[in-house]
C-alpha atoms as a PDB file:
ATOM      1  CA  UNK A   1       5.836 -15.295   0.568  1.00  0.00           C
ATOM      2  CA  UNK A   2       3.047 -16.242   3.298  1.00  0.00           C
ATOM      3  CA  UNK A   3       5.703 -17.040   5.576  1.00  0.00           C
ATOM      4  CA  UNK A   4       6.480 -13.254   5.648  1.00  0.00           C
ATOM      5  CA  UNK A   5       2.939 -11.878   6.450  1.00  0.00           C
ATOM      6  CA  UNK A   6       2.588 -11.094  10.656  1.00  0.00           C
ATOM      7  CA  UNK A   7       0.136 -14.093  11.529  1.00  0.00           C
ATOM      8  CA  UNK A   8      -2.761 -12.126  11.724  1.00  0.00           C
ATOM      9  CA  UNK A   9      -2.282 -10.479   7.782  1.00  0.00           C
ATOM     10  CA  UNK A  10      -1.773 -14.134   6.816  1.00  0.00           C
ATOM     11  CA  UNK A  11      -5.271 -15.080   8.475  1.00  0.00           C
ATOM     12  CA  UNK A  12      -6.778 -12.414   6.848  1.00  0.00           C
ATOM     13  CA  UNK A  13      -5.524 -13.548   3.616  1.00  0.00           C
ATOM     14  CA  UNK A  14      -6.395 -17.260   3.147  1.00  0.00           C
ATOM     15  CA  UNK A  15      -9.656 -16.626   4.866  1.00  0.00           C
ATOM     16  CA  UNK A  16     -10.280 -14.089   1.840  1.00  0.00           C
ATOM     17  CA  UNK A  17      -8.500 -15.171  -1.412  1.00  0.00           C
ATOM     18  CA  UNK A  18      -8.022 -19.146  -0.585  1.00  0.00           C
ATOM     19  CA  UNK A  19     -11.548 -19.925   1.315  1.00  0.00           C
ATOM     20  CA  UNK A  20     -13.236 -17.588  -0.062  1.00  0.00           C
ATOM     21  CA  UNK A  21     -14.596 -15.439   3.044  1.00  0.00           C
ATOM     22  CA  UNK A  22     -16.059 -12.002   2.679  1.00  0.00           C
ATOM     23  CA  UNK A  23     -14.572  -9.414   4.580  1.00  0.00           C
ATOM     24  CA  UNK A  24     -17.727  -9.057   6.962  1.00  0.00           C
ATOM     25  CA  UNK A  25     -17.098 -12.537   7.282  1.00  0.00           C
ATOM     26  CA  UNK A  26     -13.246 -13.033   8.056  1.00  0.00           C
ATOM     27  CA  UNK A  27     -14.187  -9.497  10.987  1.00  0.00           C
ATOM     28  CA  UNK A  28     -17.086 -11.432  12.584  1.00  0.00           C
ATOM     29  CA  UNK A  29     -15.034 -14.461  12.621  1.00  0.00           C
ATOM     30  CA  UNK A  30     -11.543 -13.138  14.191  1.00  0.00           C
ATOM     31  CA  UNK A  31     -13.742 -10.542  17.104  1.00  0.00           C
ATOM     32  CA  UNK A  32     -12.051  -7.479  14.888  1.00  0.00           C
ATOM     33  CA  UNK A  33     -13.510  -4.547  12.828  1.00  0.00           C
ATOM     34  CA  UNK A  34     -14.151  -4.455   8.613  1.00  0.00           C
ATOM     35  CA  UNK A  35     -12.003  -1.900   8.438  1.00  0.00           C
ATOM     36  CA  UNK A  36      -9.316  -3.423  10.330  1.00  0.00           C
ATOM     37  CA  UNK A  37      -9.416  -6.281   8.368  1.00  0.00           C
ATOM     38  CA  UNK A  38      -9.496  -4.527   4.890  1.00  0.00           C
ATOM     39  CA  UNK A  39      -6.280  -3.002   6.101  1.00  0.00           C
ATOM     40  CA  UNK A  40      -4.608  -6.245   6.625  1.00  0.00           C
ATOM     41  CA  UNK A  41      -5.983  -7.412   3.494  1.00  0.00           C
ATOM     42  CA  UNK A  42      -4.396  -4.829   1.830  1.00  0.00           C
ATOM     43  CA  UNK A  43      -1.211  -4.993   3.484  1.00  0.00           C
ATOM     44  CA  UNK A  44      -1.167  -8.683   2.342  1.00  0.00           C
ATOM     45  CA  UNK A  45      -1.619  -8.019  -1.363  1.00  0.00           C
ATOM     46  CA  UNK A  46       1.356  -5.342  -1.147  1.00  0.00           C
ATOM     47  CA  UNK A  47       3.417  -7.902   0.798  1.00  0.00           C
ATOM     48  CA  UNK A  48       3.143 -10.304  -1.538  1.00  0.00           C
ATOM     49  CA  UNK A  49       2.859  -8.423  -5.184  1.00  0.00           C
ATOM     50  CA  UNK A  50       6.379  -7.356  -3.540  1.00  0.00           C
ATOM     51  CA  UNK A  51       7.418 -10.381  -1.997  1.00  0.00           C
ATOM     52  CA  UNK A  52       6.307 -11.645  -5.792  1.00  0.00           C
ATOM     53  CA  UNK A  53       8.531  -9.249  -7.518  1.00  0.00           C
ATOM     54  CA  UNK A  54      11.748  -9.862  -6.220  1.00  0.00           C
ATOM     55  CA  UNK A  55      11.361 -13.605  -6.806  1.00  0.00           C
ATOM     56  CA  UNK A  56      10.807 -13.096 -10.539  1.00  0.00           C
ATOM     57  CA  UNK A  57      12.711  -9.727 -11.360  1.00  0.00           C
ATOM     58  CA  UNK A  58      12.158  -8.620 -15.429  1.00  0.00           C
ATOM     59  CA  UNK A  59      14.590  -7.693 -17.599  1.00  0.00           C
ATOM     60  CA  UNK A  60      15.846  -3.853 -17.700  1.00  0.00           C
ATOM     61  CA  UNK A  61      14.042  -2.253 -20.147  1.00  0.00           C
ATOM     62  CA  UNK A  62      11.480  -4.661 -20.068  1.00  0.00           C
ATOM     63  CA  UNK A  63       7.606  -2.835 -19.013  1.00  0.00           C
ATOM     64  CA  UNK A  64       5.170  -5.275 -17.392  1.00  0.00           C
END
């Protein structure tokens, strides 16, 4: 799933979710705005969720 993210989204996702950096820390480290970090993080989570749903489809009639 990480391979499907753009390089910047992957970097933000890894720094936040794996390495534990806060959004303000990531913004400072990457030299981008806090708003940009928030957008990259949100889109990365959506993409990863979609990827997981595609990899593990639920049988029809089963609610998640």
